[in-house]
Amino acid sequence: MNLYKFVIGLLLNMRRFSVAILCLILSISLNAQMKWNSKYQAYIDKYKDLAISEMLKYNIPASITLAQGLLESGAGMSELTRKGNNHFGIKCHDWSGATTYHDDDEEQECFRAYRDAYESYEDHSKFLARQPRYKRLFSLKRTDYKGWAHGLKKCGYATNPNYANKLIGIIELYKLHKYDNAKKFDKFMVERSEVKDISPDINLHPIHIYNKNYYLNARQGDTFKSISKEVGISYRKLAKYNERDKNDKLIPGEIIYLKKKQKKADKIYKKRPHRVKAGESMYSIAQYYGIRLSSLYKMNKLSPDYSIKVGDYLRVR
């Protein structure tokens, strides 16, 4: 009898072990199939602060929100997102707002539609926070993205059997879990999410931070007007921030700031003057350090008609 129990116990343990190995292999296989995608990264750069702001309000991990947004919206490129700004595939249910129709499990199902990404993210947070079936997820630690991923699948958020592993794969590939410890977010970037997305064929510019400002690098064919549509800032303002004419042609690679530039360079350049190199101008130097052209002249006590020479030293702070 004892031998019988031992054999049965051994078989059960082997079965559990086999299932665990199978799950591990499946997870590794899914992660191996995922490759870094510039469109995914651009989506993350654009919406990470919005995801963090939602996390701080509702305690949903920012990594989970971003991973769901990426997966459900195809990095903002899906038809549902383009038509209705729906980043999370949330169906109508008891929704009384705007709607759009899309083929999903069945033909022409009803989905919620929003004015912009901000509304979609906010409704996603409320949807999870107010639905009783997701209540137990809020007892998990904010850093437990794996628990959240598996919990969302178990609670019926998606029908795909690999949904949890896909979320985890995205989070780990793009290191989204680093945002789960955030204690603050950038209001400027959150405001940008209230701009309606434009054509899905446009590859969004990555936005960078430098000297308390935001900038992107111009690409071939860019104009202040085309960039304006993407970032939601008047093209006249963009030209003014960059001390240019609004109709100027932009050179690929040049820096375009999204806010008014500072009067001085970053503090790391204190007592570190800039040595002028061949091909540089006062304007290119001002752009490089993210400072106003007039401030550069003023700091160096130069008149606007001064022509710099290779080897000159200029204060930038």
Protein backbone atom coordinates (compact mmCIF):
# COMPACT_ATOMS: atom_id res chain seq x y z
CA MET A 1 0.00 0.00 0.00
CA ASN A 2 2.81 2.40 0.91
CA LEU A 3 4.62 1.50 -2.33
CA TYR A 4 1.42 2.25 -4.28
CA LYS A 5 1.13 5.70 -2.65
CA PHE A 6 4.79 6.37 -3.33
CA VAL A 7 4.44 5.53 -7.04
CA ILE A 8 1.27 7.65 -7.40
CA GLY A 9 2.95 10.58 -5.63
CA LEU A 10 6.02 10.25 -7.85
CA LEU A 11 3.89 10.27 -11.01
CA LEU A 12 1.96 13.34 -9.83
CA ASN A 13 5.18 15.19 -9.05
CA MET A 14 6.61 14.24 -12.45
CA ARG A 15 3.46 15.56 -14.08
CA ARG A 16 3.71 18.86 -12.22
CA PHE A 17 7.39 19.09 -13.10
CA SER A 18 6.64 18.40 -16.78
CA VAL A 19 3.97 21.11 -16.84
CA ALA A 20 6.37 23.58 -15.21
CA ILE A 21 9.08 22.74 -17.76
CA LEU A 22 6.57 23.11 -20.60
CA CYS A 23 5.52 26.55 -19.32
CA LEU A 24 9.15 27.61 -19.01
CA ILE A 25 9.94 26.45 -22.56
CA LEU A 26 6.85 28.26 -23.87
CA SER A 27 7.86 31.46 -22.08
CA ILE A 28 11.43 31.27 -23.41
CA SER A 29 10.13 30.53 -26.91
CA LEU A 30 7.79 33.53 -26.86
CA ASN A 31 10.54 35.82 -25.60
CA ALA A 32 12.95 34.52 -28.21
CA GLN A 33 10.46 35.40 -30.95
CA MET A 34 10.22 39.00 -29.75
CA LYS A 35 12.70 41.45 -31.19
CA TRP A 36 13.29 45.08 -30.34
CA ASN A 37 11.08 47.31 -32.48
CA SER A 38 11.65 51.05 -32.94
CA LYS A 39 7.89 51.69 -33.20
CA TYR A 40 7.36 49.98 -29.84
CA GLN A 41 10.14 52.07 -28.32
CA ALA A 42 8.67 55.29 -29.73
CA TYR A 43 5.29 54.34 -28.22
CA ILE A 44 6.95 53.74 -24.85
CA ASP A 45 8.78 57.07 -24.98
CA LYS A 46 5.53 58.84 -25.80
CA TYR A 47 3.26 57.23 -23.20
CA LYS A 48 5.47 56.09 -20.30
CA ASP A 49 4.74 59.23 -18.28
CA LEU A 50 1.02 58.80 -18.85
CA ALA A 51 1.28 55.18 -17.64
CA ILE A 52 3.19 56.33 -14.55
CA SER A 53 0.60 59.03 -13.80
CA GLU A 54 -2.15 56.38 -13.99
CA MET A 55 -0.13 54.07 -11.73
CA LEU A 56 0.20 56.74 -9.07
CA LYS A 57 -3.56 57.32 -9.14
CA TYR A 58 -4.83 53.73 -9.37
CA ASN A 59 -1.89 51.54 -8.29
CA ILE A 60 -1.79 49.59 -11.57
CA PRO A 61 1.84 48.84 -12.54
CA ALA A 62 3.00 51.20 -15.28
CA SER A 63 4.76 48.24 -16.91
CA ILE A 64 1.46 46.37 -17.23
CA THR A 65 -0.37 49.40 -18.63
CA LEU A 66 2.36 50.02 -21.22
CA ALA A 67 2.64 46.34 -22.18
CA GLN A 68 -1.13 46.07 -22.61
CA GLY A 69 -1.18 49.27 -24.63
CA LEU A 70 1.60 48.00 -26.88
CA LEU A 71 0.03 44.58 -27.35
CA GLU A 72 -3.60 45.64 -27.74
CA SER A 73 -2.93 48.65 -29.99
CA GLY A 74 0.05 47.32 -31.97
CA ALA A 75 2.07 50.27 -30.64
CA GLY A 76 -0.75 52.63 -31.59
CA MET A 77 -0.98 51.36 -35.17
CA SER A 78 -4.07 49.12 -34.97
CA GLU A 79 -7.27 50.04 -36.80
CA LEU A 80 -9.15 50.24 -33.49
CA THR A 81 -6.62 52.72 -32.12
CA ARG A 82 -6.56 54.78 -35.30
CA LYS A 83 -10.34 54.95 -35.56
CA GLY A 84 -11.27 55.36 -31.91
CA ASN A 85 -8.11 56.02 -29.87
CA ASN A 86 -8.82 52.73 -28.08
CA HIS A 87 -5.40 51.54 -26.87
CA PHE A 88 -6.59 48.60 -24.74
CA GLY A 89 -9.23 46.80 -26.79
CA ILE A 90 -11.99 47.55 -24.27
CA LYS A 91 -15.45 46.65 -25.59
CA CYS A 92 -18.59 48.69 -25.01
CA HIS A 93 -20.20 46.69 -22.15
CA ASP A 94 -22.15 49.36 -20.19
CA TRP A 95 -20.37 52.25 -21.94
CA SER A 96 -22.52 55.30 -22.72
CA GLY A 97 -19.86 57.29 -24.57
CA ALA A 98 -18.72 57.29 -28.20
CA THR A 99 -18.31 53.92 -29.92
CA THR A 100 -16.67 52.30 -32.92
CA TYR A 101 -17.12 48.87 -34.52
CA HIS A 102 -14.40 46.37 -35.23
CA ASP A 103 -14.07 42.65 -36.07
CA ASP A 104 -12.73 40.74 -33.06
CA ASP A 105 -13.99 37.41 -31.68
CA GLU A 106 -17.10 38.16 -33.74
CA GLU A 107 -17.77 40.46 -36.68
CA GLN A 108 -18.38 44.16 -36.05
CA GLU A 109 -18.23 44.14 -32.27
CA CYS A 110 -18.83 47.34 -30.32
CA PHE A 111 -15.76 49.02 -28.81
CA ARG A 112 -15.34 52.17 -26.77
CA ALA A 113 -14.02 55.24 -28.59
CA TYR A 114 -12.13 58.15 -27.06
CA ARG A 115 -11.05 61.67 -27.98
CA ASP A 116 -7.39 60.95 -27.33
CA ALA A 117 -4.92 58.55 -25.72
CA TYR A 118 -5.29 60.22 -22.33
CA GLU A 119 -9.00 59.31 -22.19
CA SER A 120 -8.20 55.74 -23.23
CA TYR A 121 -5.56 55.29 -20.53
CA GLU A 122 -7.79 56.84 -17.86
CA ASP A 123 -10.74 54.61 -18.81
CA HIS A 124 -8.48 51.53 -18.80
CA SER A 125 -7.47 52.30 -15.21
CA LYS A 126 -11.09 52.84 -14.14
CA PHE A 127 -12.19 49.68 -15.97
CA LEU A 128 -9.76 47.55 -13.95
CA ALA A 129 -10.27 49.40 -10.67
CA ARG A 130 -14.09 49.22 -10.75
CA GLN A 131 -14.65 45.71 -12.09
CA PRO A 132 -15.12 43.22 -9.20
CA ARG A 133 -13.37 40.43 -11.12
CA TYR A 134 -10.07 42.36 -11.07
CA LYS A 135 -10.30 43.32 -7.39
CA ARG A 136 -7.81 40.69 -6.18
CA LEU A 137 -5.11 42.05 -8.48
CA PHE A 138 -4.94 45.23 -6.41
CA SER A 139 -3.69 43.23 -3.42
CA LEU A 140 -0.51 42.43 -5.38
CA LYS A 141 2.61 44.52 -5.02
CA ARG A 142 2.97 47.22 -7.64
CA THR A 143 6.26 45.65 -8.71
CA ASP A 144 4.73 42.19 -9.24
CA TYR A 145 4.20 42.53 -12.99
CA LYS A 146 4.21 38.75 -13.46
CA GLY A 147 1.40 38.33 -10.94
CA TRP A 148 -0.56 41.07 -12.69
CA ALA A 149 0.03 39.55 -16.13
CA HIS A 150 -1.16 36.09 -15.10
CA GLY A 151 -3.99 37.60 -13.05
CA LEU A 152 -5.33 39.58 -16.00
CA LYS A 153 -5.44 36.40 -18.07
CA LYS A 154 -7.14 34.40 -15.31
CA CYS A 155 -9.69 37.16 -14.75
CA GLY A 156 -10.66 37.03 -18.42
CA TYR A 157 -9.16 40.22 -19.83
CA ALA A 158 -8.10 38.36 -22.99
CA THR A 159 -8.88 35.01 -24.62
CA ASN A 160 -5.37 34.38 -25.98
CA PRO A 161 -3.87 31.53 -23.88
CA ASN A 162 -0.41 33.11 -24.18
CA TYR A 163 -1.57 36.59 -23.14
CA ALA A 164 0.29 36.65 -19.82
CA ASN A 165 3.55 35.43 -21.32
CA LYS A 166 3.29 38.00 -24.11
CA LEU A 167 2.89 40.81 -21.58
CA ILE A 168 5.84 39.54 -19.54
CA GLY A 169 7.95 39.19 -22.69
CA ILE A 170 7.28 42.80 -23.70
CA ILE A 171 7.95 44.09 -20.19
CA GLU A 172 11.28 42.30 -19.94
CA LEU A 173 12.45 43.05 -23.49
CA TYR A 174 11.86 46.79 -23.08
CA LYS A 175 12.65 46.84 -19.32
CA LEU A 176 9.28 48.41 -18.55
CA HIS A 177 9.44 47.18 -14.94
CA LYS A 178 11.81 50.07 -14.17
CA TYR A 179 8.81 52.41 -14.32
CA ASP A 180 6.99 50.54 -11.53
CA ASN A 181 9.14 52.23 -8.89
CA ALA A 182 8.56 55.74 -10.25
CA LYS A 183 7.34 58.36 -7.80
CA LYS A 184 6.76 61.19 -10.24
CA PHE A 185 6.01 61.77 -13.92
CA ASP A 186 6.56 64.44 -16.52
CA LYS A 187 3.44 66.60 -16.92
CA PHE A 188 4.61 67.92 -20.28
CA MET A 189 4.64 64.42 -21.77
CA VAL A 190 1.25 63.59 -20.26
CA GLU A 191 -0.19 66.71 -21.91
CA ARG A 192 1.23 65.55 -25.24
CA SER A 193 -0.86 62.36 -24.94
CA GLU A 194 -3.99 64.50 -25.20
CA VAL A 195 -3.13 65.15 -28.85
CA LYS A 196 -5.00 62.91 -31.29
CA ASP A 197 -2.67 60.46 -33.02
CA ILE A 198 -2.03 61.04 -36.70
CA SER A 199 -1.52 58.64 -39.60
CA PRO A 200 -0.35 55.15 -38.55
CA ASP A 201 2.12 55.21 -41.43
CA ILE A 202 4.15 57.87 -39.64
CA ASN A 203 7.02 56.55 -37.55
CA LEU A 204 7.00 58.71 -34.43
CA HIS A 205 10.14 60.62 -33.50
CA PRO A 206 11.74 59.56 -30.22
CA ILE A 207 11.61 62.49 -27.78
CA HIS A 208 14.66 63.19 -25.61
CA ILE A 209 15.29 65.38 -22.57
CA TYR A 210 18.22 67.79 -22.35
CA ASN A 211 18.92 70.94 -20.33
CA LYS A 212 15.40 70.98 -18.87
CA ASN A 213 13.90 70.80 -22.34
CA TYR A 214 12.56 68.27 -24.83
CA TYR A 215 13.86 67.74 -28.31
CA LEU A 216 13.71 65.43 -31.29
CA ASN A 217 15.97 65.04 -34.30
CA ALA A 218 14.59 66.09 -37.67
CA ARG A 219 14.32 63.51 -40.44
CA GLN A 220 14.37 63.75 -44.21
CA GLY A 221 11.35 65.73 -45.38
CA ASP A 222 10.43 67.10 -41.96
CA THR A 223 9.01 70.60 -41.63
CA PHE A 224 7.84 72.56 -38.62
CA LYS A 225 4.29 71.86 -39.81
CA SER A 226 4.76 68.08 -40.01
CA ILE A 227 6.41 67.95 -36.59
CA SER A 228 3.68 70.20 -35.22
CA LYS A 229 1.01 67.65 -36.14
CA GLU A 230 2.89 64.90 -34.35
CA VAL A 231 3.70 66.69 -31.09
CA GLY A 232 0.62 68.90 -30.85
CA ILE A 233 2.49 72.19 -30.66
CA SER A 234 1.83 75.09 -33.05
CA TYR A 235 4.38 75.14 -35.87
CA ARG A 236 4.81 78.86 -35.28
CA LYS A 237 5.73 78.16 -31.66
CA LEU A 238 8.15 75.41 -32.69
CA ALA A 239 9.89 77.79 -35.08
CA LYS A 240 10.03 80.47 -32.38
CA TYR A 241 11.42 78.07 -29.76
CA ASN A 242 14.18 77.14 -32.21
CA GLU A 243 14.77 80.75 -33.33
CA ARG A 244 13.93 79.97 -36.94
CA ASP A 245 11.52 81.08 -39.64
CA LYS A 246 8.38 78.92 -39.70
CA ASN A 247 8.95 78.07 -43.38
CA ASP A 248 12.59 77.01 -43.01
CA LYS A 249 13.62 73.64 -44.43
CA LEU A 250 14.93 71.27 -41.77
CA ILE A 251 18.12 69.29 -42.17
CA PRO A 252 18.04 65.59 -41.20
CA GLY A 253 19.58 65.13 -37.76
CA GLU A 254 19.24 68.71 -36.56
CA ILE A 255 17.85 69.33 -33.09
CA ILE A 256 14.31 70.67 -32.76
CA TYR A 257 13.33 71.81 -29.27
CA LEU A 258 9.74 71.55 -28.07
CA LYS A 259 9.89 74.28 -25.43
CA LYS A 260 11.61 77.63 -25.07
CA LYS A 261 15.35 77.14 -24.57
CA GLN A 262 17.24 77.97 -21.38
CA LYS A 263 19.48 81.00 -20.88
CA LYS A 264 22.42 78.85 -19.78
CA ALA A 265 23.78 75.39 -20.54
CA ASP A 266 23.52 72.52 -18.07
CA LYS A 267 25.48 73.04 -14.84
CA ILE A 268 28.05 70.40 -15.85
CA TYR A 269 29.40 73.04 -18.28
CA LYS A 270 30.21 75.51 -15.53
CA LYS A 271 33.80 76.72 -16.09
CA ARG A 272 33.95 74.55 -19.23
CA PRO A 273 33.91 76.91 -22.24
CA HIS A 274 33.16 75.65 -25.71
CA ARG A 275 36.04 75.65 -28.21
CA VAL A 276 34.77 76.54 -31.68
CA LYS A 277 35.32 73.89 -34.35
CA ALA A 278 35.29 74.14 -38.13
CA GLY A 279 31.79 74.45 -39.58
CA GLU A 280 30.18 75.67 -36.37
CA SER A 281 28.13 78.84 -35.99
CA MET A 282 26.79 80.72 -33.00
CA TYR A 283 23.39 79.24 -33.81
CA SER A 284 24.58 75.61 -34.05
CA ILE A 285 26.44 76.01 -30.75
CA ALA A 286 23.34 77.48 -29.08
CA GLN A 287 21.25 74.56 -30.34
CA TYR A 288 23.86 72.03 -29.22
CA TYR A 289 23.71 73.27 -25.63
CA GLY A 290 19.98 74.01 -25.67
CA ILE A 291 20.39 77.72 -24.97
CA ARG A 292 19.02 80.88 -26.56
CA LEU A 293 21.16 82.50 -29.23
CA SER A 294 20.76 85.93 -27.64
CA SER A 295 21.97 84.54 -24.31
CA LEU A 296 25.07 83.07 -25.94
CA TYR A 297 25.99 86.47 -27.38
CA LYS A 298 25.24 88.20 -24.08
CA MET A 299 27.29 85.78 -21.96
CA ASN A 300 30.30 86.37 -24.18
CA LYS A 301 29.74 90.12 -24.55
CA LEU A 302 29.59 89.81 -28.33
CA SER A 303 27.60 91.85 -30.83
CA PRO A 304 25.15 90.00 -33.11
CA ASP A 305 27.34 90.74 -36.14
CA TYR A 306 30.42 89.07 -34.62
CA SER A 307 31.88 86.25 -36.74
CA ILE A 308 33.33 83.46 -34.63
CA LYS A 309 36.62 81.83 -35.58
CA VAL A 310 37.89 78.29 -35.23
CA GLY A 311 39.64 78.05 -31.87
CA ASP A 312 37.56 80.75 -30.15
CA TYR A 313 36.40 79.93 -26.63
CA LEU A 314 32.80 80.70 -25.69
CA ARG A 315 31.10 80.64 -22.33
CA VAL A 316 27.94 78.56 -22.40
CA ARG A 317 27.04 78.95 -18.73
